[in-house]
Protein backbone atom coordinates (compact mmCIF):
# COMPACT_ATOMS: atom_id res chain seq x y z
CA UNK A 1 4.59 4.40 27.68
CA UNK A 2 2.81 5.52 24.51
CA UNK A 3 4.06 9.07 25.07
CA UNK A 4 7.64 7.83 25.31
CA UNK A 5 7.17 5.79 22.13
CA UNK A 6 5.72 8.84 20.39
CA UNK A 7 8.66 11.04 21.42
CA UNK A 8 11.13 8.39 20.26
CA UNK A 9 9.30 7.88 16.96
CA UNK A 10 9.23 11.63 16.36
CA UNK A 11 12.97 11.87 16.99
CA UNK A 12 13.63 9.00 14.58
CA UNK A 13 11.41 10.61 11.94
CA UNK A 14 13.32 13.88 12.26
CA UNK A 15 16.61 12.04 11.82
CA UNK A 16 15.44 10.11 8.76
CA UNK A 17 14.04 13.25 7.13
CA UNK A 18 17.62 14.14 6.22
CA UNK A 19 18.11 13.49 2.52
CA UNK A 20 21.76 12.55 3.08
CA UNK A 21 20.69 9.29 4.76
CA UNK A 22 18.62 8.10 1.80
CA UNK A 23 21.25 6.04 -0.05
CA UNK A 24 22.64 4.38 3.07
CA UNK A 25 19.16 3.56 4.34
CA UNK A 26 18.02 2.05 1.04
CA UNK A 27 21.21 0.03 0.66
CA UNK A 28 20.76 -1.46 4.14
CA UNK A 29 17.04 -2.02 3.54
CA UNK A 30 17.65 -3.88 0.26
CA UNK A 31 20.43 -5.94 1.85
CA UNK A 32 18.09 -7.17 4.57
CA UNK A 33 15.30 -7.80 2.05
CA UNK A 34 17.55 -9.92 -0.16
CA UNK A 35 18.56 -12.07 2.83
CA UNK A 36 15.04 -12.65 4.12
CA UNK A 37 13.17 -15.93 3.80
CA UNK A 38 9.51 -16.57 4.56
CA UNK A 39 8.72 -19.05 7.36
CA UNK A 40 7.10 -22.29 6.20
CA UNK A 41 4.16 -21.69 8.52
CA UNK A 42 3.34 -18.25 7.09
CA UNK A 43 -0.36 -18.01 6.11
CA UNK A 44 -1.24 -19.08 2.58
CA UNK A 45 -2.27 -15.53 1.72
CA UNK A 46 1.13 -14.18 2.77
CA UNK A 47 2.86 -16.86 0.74
CA UNK A 48 0.76 -15.75 -2.22
CA UNK A 49 2.02 -12.18 -1.78
CA UNK A 50 5.60 -13.48 -1.56
CA UNK A 51 5.22 -15.44 -4.80
CA UNK A 52 3.66 -12.44 -6.53
CA UNK A 53 6.63 -10.32 -5.43
CA UNK A 54 8.95 -12.92 -6.96
CA UNK A 55 7.01 -12.85 -10.23
CA UNK A 56 7.13 -9.06 -10.37
CA UNK A 57 10.81 -8.89 -9.50
CA UNK A 58 10.02 -7.17 -6.19
CA UNK A 59 11.10 -9.92 -3.83
CA UNK A 60 14.74 -8.71 -3.52
CA UNK A 61 13.36 -5.33 -2.40
CA UNK A 62 10.48 -6.47 -0.18
CA UNK A 63 10.68 -6.99 3.58
CA UNK A 64 8.00 -8.96 5.41
CA UNK A 65 7.08 -8.45 9.07
CA UNK A 66 5.04 -10.70 11.38
CA UNK A 67 3.42 -8.40 13.93
CA UNK A 68 1.64 -8.98 17.22
CA UNK A 69 -2.10 -9.88 17.34
CA UNK A 70 -2.97 -6.60 19.08
CA UNK A 71 -1.06 -4.48 16.54
CA UNK A 72 -4.20 -2.61 15.45
CA UNK A 73 -4.92 -1.60 19.03
CA UNK A 74 -1.67 0.37 19.08
CA UNK A 75 -1.08 4.01 18.19
CA UNK A 76 0.46 4.78 14.81
CA UNK A 77 3.69 5.81 16.52
CA UNK A 78 3.96 2.46 18.27
CA UNK A 79 3.22 0.61 15.02
CA UNK A 80 5.95 2.59 13.25
CA UNK A 81 8.40 1.77 16.04
CA UNK A 82 7.52 -1.94 15.84
CA UNK A 83 8.20 -2.02 12.09
CA UNK A 84 11.20 0.29 12.43
CA UNK A 85 9.49 2.55 9.91
CA UNK A 86 11.07 5.99 9.53
CA UNK A 87 7.82 7.75 10.53
CA UNK A 88 4.07 7.27 10.82
CA UNK A 89 3.78 8.89 7.39
CA UNK A 90 5.34 5.73 5.94
CA UNK A 91 2.47 3.56 7.20
CA UNK A 92 0.10 3.02 4.28
CA UNK A 93 -2.95 0.93 3.47
CA UNK A 94 -4.63 -0.56 0.43
CA UNK A 95 -8.35 -0.02 -0.01
CA UNK A 96 -10.58 -1.11 -2.86
CA UNK A 97 -12.75 1.58 -4.43
CA UNK A 98 -15.75 0.80 -6.63
CA UNK A 99 -17.16 3.02 -9.35
CA UNK A 100 -20.80 2.16 -8.80
CA UNK A 101 -21.87 3.86 -12.03
CA UNK A 102 -19.23 2.24 -14.22
CA UNK A 103 -20.54 0.93 -17.53
CA UNK A 104 -18.54 -2.28 -17.07
CA UNK A 105 -18.69 -4.84 -14.29
CA UNK A 106 -15.06 -5.94 -14.10
CA UNK A 107 -11.48 -4.66 -13.87
CA UNK A 108 -10.22 -5.82 -17.27
CA UNK A 109 -9.63 -2.27 -18.56
CA UNK A 110 -7.33 -0.34 -16.18
CA UNK A 111 -8.38 2.91 -17.86
CA UNK A 112 -12.06 2.28 -17.12
CA UNK A 113 -12.25 -0.28 -14.35
CA UNK A 114 -15.12 -0.78 -11.98
CA UNK A 115 -12.62 -1.42 -9.18
CA UNK A 116 -9.27 0.11 -8.23
CA UNK A 117 -6.78 -0.70 -5.48
CA UNK A 118 -6.00 2.67 -3.93
CA UNK A 119 -2.95 3.13 -1.72
CA UNK A 120 -2.94 5.97 0.76
CA UNK A 121 -1.21 6.91 4.00
CA UNK A 122 -2.88 6.32 7.35
CA UNK A 123 -2.33 10.00 8.10
CA UNK A 124 -4.20 11.04 4.95
CA UNK A 125 -7.58 10.45 3.36
CA UNK A 126 -8.78 9.84 -0.18
CA UNK A 127 -10.75 12.62 -1.84
CA UNK A 128 -13.36 10.78 -3.92
CA UNK A 129 -13.78 13.77 -6.24
CA UNK A 130 -10.05 13.83 -7.03
CA UNK A 131 -10.13 10.08 -7.56
CA UNK A 132 -13.00 10.46 -10.00
CA UNK A 133 -11.26 13.29 -11.86
CA UNK A 134 -8.09 11.26 -12.20
CA UNK A 135 -9.75 8.07 -13.41
CA UNK A 136 -11.88 10.05 -15.83
CA UNK A 137 -8.71 11.64 -17.24
CA UNK A 138 -7.38 8.17 -18.10
CA UNK A 139 -9.92 8.14 -20.92
CA UNK A 140 -9.25 11.79 -21.78
CA UNK A 141 -12.60 12.68 -20.18
CA UNK A 142 -14.43 11.00 -23.05
CA UNK A 143 -16.81 9.32 -20.61
CA UNK A 144 -19.50 11.48 -19.03
CA UNK A 145 -19.28 12.32 -15.33
CA UNK A 146 -22.62 10.61 -14.83
CA UNK A 147 -20.82 7.27 -15.19
CA UNK A 148 -18.59 7.90 -12.16
CA UNK A 149 -19.36 7.53 -8.49
CA UNK A 150 -16.52 6.21 -6.35
CA UNK A 151 -17.02 4.71 -2.93
CA UNK A 152 -15.26 2.15 -0.77
CA UNK A 153 -16.11 -1.35 -1.91
CA UNK A 154 -17.95 -3.30 0.77
CA UNK A 155 -16.05 -5.87 2.81
CA UNK A 156 -17.41 -8.88 0.95
CA UNK A 157 -16.57 -7.40 -2.46
CA UNK A 158 -13.05 -6.49 -1.33
CA UNK A 159 -12.48 -10.01 -0.02
CA UNK A 160 -13.82 -11.58 -3.21
CA UNK A 161 -11.63 -9.39 -5.43
CA UNK A 162 -8.41 -9.50 -3.45
CA UNK A 163 -8.62 -12.71 -1.44
CA UNK A 164 -7.45 -10.73 1.59
CA UNK A 165 -9.35 -9.88 4.76
CA UNK A 166 -9.66 -6.56 6.55
CA UNK A 167 -6.33 -4.97 7.59
CA UNK A 168 -4.44 -7.51 5.53
CA UNK A 169 -5.19 -6.26 2.03
CA UNK A 170 -2.17 -6.17 -0.26
CA UNK A 171 -2.09 -4.67 -3.76
CA UNK A 172 0.23 -7.54 -4.73
CA UNK A 173 -1.07 -11.08 -5.14
CA UNK A 174 -4.77 -10.26 -5.41
CA UNK A 175 -6.97 -13.07 -6.72
CA UNK A 176 -8.29 -10.61 -9.30
CA UNK A 177 -5.90 -8.38 -11.23
CA UNK A 178 -6.84 -4.86 -10.16
CA UNK A 179 -5.32 -1.59 -11.39
CA UNK A 180 -3.42 0.22 -8.64
CA UNK A 181 -3.51 3.94 -7.91
CA UNK A 182 -1.01 5.28 -5.39
CA UNK A 183 -1.37 8.65 -3.73
CA UNK A 184 1.16 11.17 -5.00
CA UNK A 185 2.01 12.23 -1.45
CA UNK A 186 3.69 8.85 -0.88
CA UNK A 187 6.35 9.79 -3.44
CA UNK A 188 7.55 12.51 -1.05
CA UNK A 189 8.46 10.10 1.75
CA UNK A 190 12.03 10.22 3.05
CA UNK A 191 13.51 7.67 3.01
CA UNK A 192 11.32 6.54 0.07
CA UNK A 193 9.79 3.32 1.44
CA UNK A 194 6.19 2.39 2.21
CA UNK A 195 4.64 -0.15 4.57
CA UNK A 196 1.48 -2.05 3.61
CA UNK A 197 -0.62 -5.08 4.48
CA UNK A 198 0.90 -8.36 3.31
CA UNK A 199 -2.12 -10.60 2.89
CA UNK A 200 -2.94 -11.28 6.54
CA UNK A 201 -3.87 -9.02 9.44
CA UNK A 202 -0.70 -10.05 11.30
CA UNK A 203 1.71 -9.53 8.39
CA UNK A 204 3.11 -6.37 6.81
CA UNK A 205 5.34 -5.69 3.82
CA UNK A 206 7.70 -2.79 3.13
CA UNK A 207 9.20 -1.80 -0.23
CA UNK A 208 11.04 1.11 -1.81
CA UNK A 209 8.43 3.36 -3.41
CA UNK A 210 10.10 3.66 -6.82
CA UNK A 211 10.55 -0.09 -7.26
CA UNK A 212 6.97 -0.78 -6.23
CA UNK A 213 5.51 1.77 -8.65
CA UNK A 214 7.66 0.52 -11.53
CA UNK A 215 7.19 -3.21 -10.98
CA UNK A 216 3.48 -3.09 -10.10
CA UNK A 217 2.70 -0.57 -12.88
CA UNK A 218 0.93 1.83 -10.54
CA UNK A 219 -0.90 4.96 -11.55
CA UNK A 220 0.11 8.00 -9.48
CA UNK A 221 -2.52 10.58 -8.58
CA UNK A 222 -3.08 13.50 -6.24
CA UNK A 223 -5.81 12.06 -4.02
CA UNK A 224 -5.64 14.25 -0.91
């Protein structure tokens, strides 16, 4: 079955790669997003993401999905098919990185934060050296390299900062305001939408890339 799903997902991805479908796809996507309502029994963390989307002006562009409990046991192709994502490249995740050598202990200065929400594709990885180079450039390289060492924040720190558990982390609605860095490769997606965690392991959110970057004030960096 997984092979059939993979073949179908690959065919869909090839179809959506056509630039001529972009406008029609986005129009239909935004129409469905504007009509959507969140169930009353949605987890509190998901409701928090919804409210944050409203505050940012993203709610008319955001689509929420309640997925099956065994979602993370599936292949990426099956996950993409479940969400009706154009391809597996559109499946993204939010991870919290910590600069363990940062001279400050909080995230109050987005140009020199101890913590960053980093958004990357499941099919890609984050190059810690490129992340360091980019963050250092935010201060025009005035801070010595010895004050940078990026690594994934541990699970407890991520939970404390975001309020979201593993596989449910959303860059929107975090309990602590964290600067967001999105991988530049995501800007090349066609159609230009991304799928992320929505505050709970069983909930996902999808948004047009441009609207998300603009409304959430994301930094864009080459991280792969």
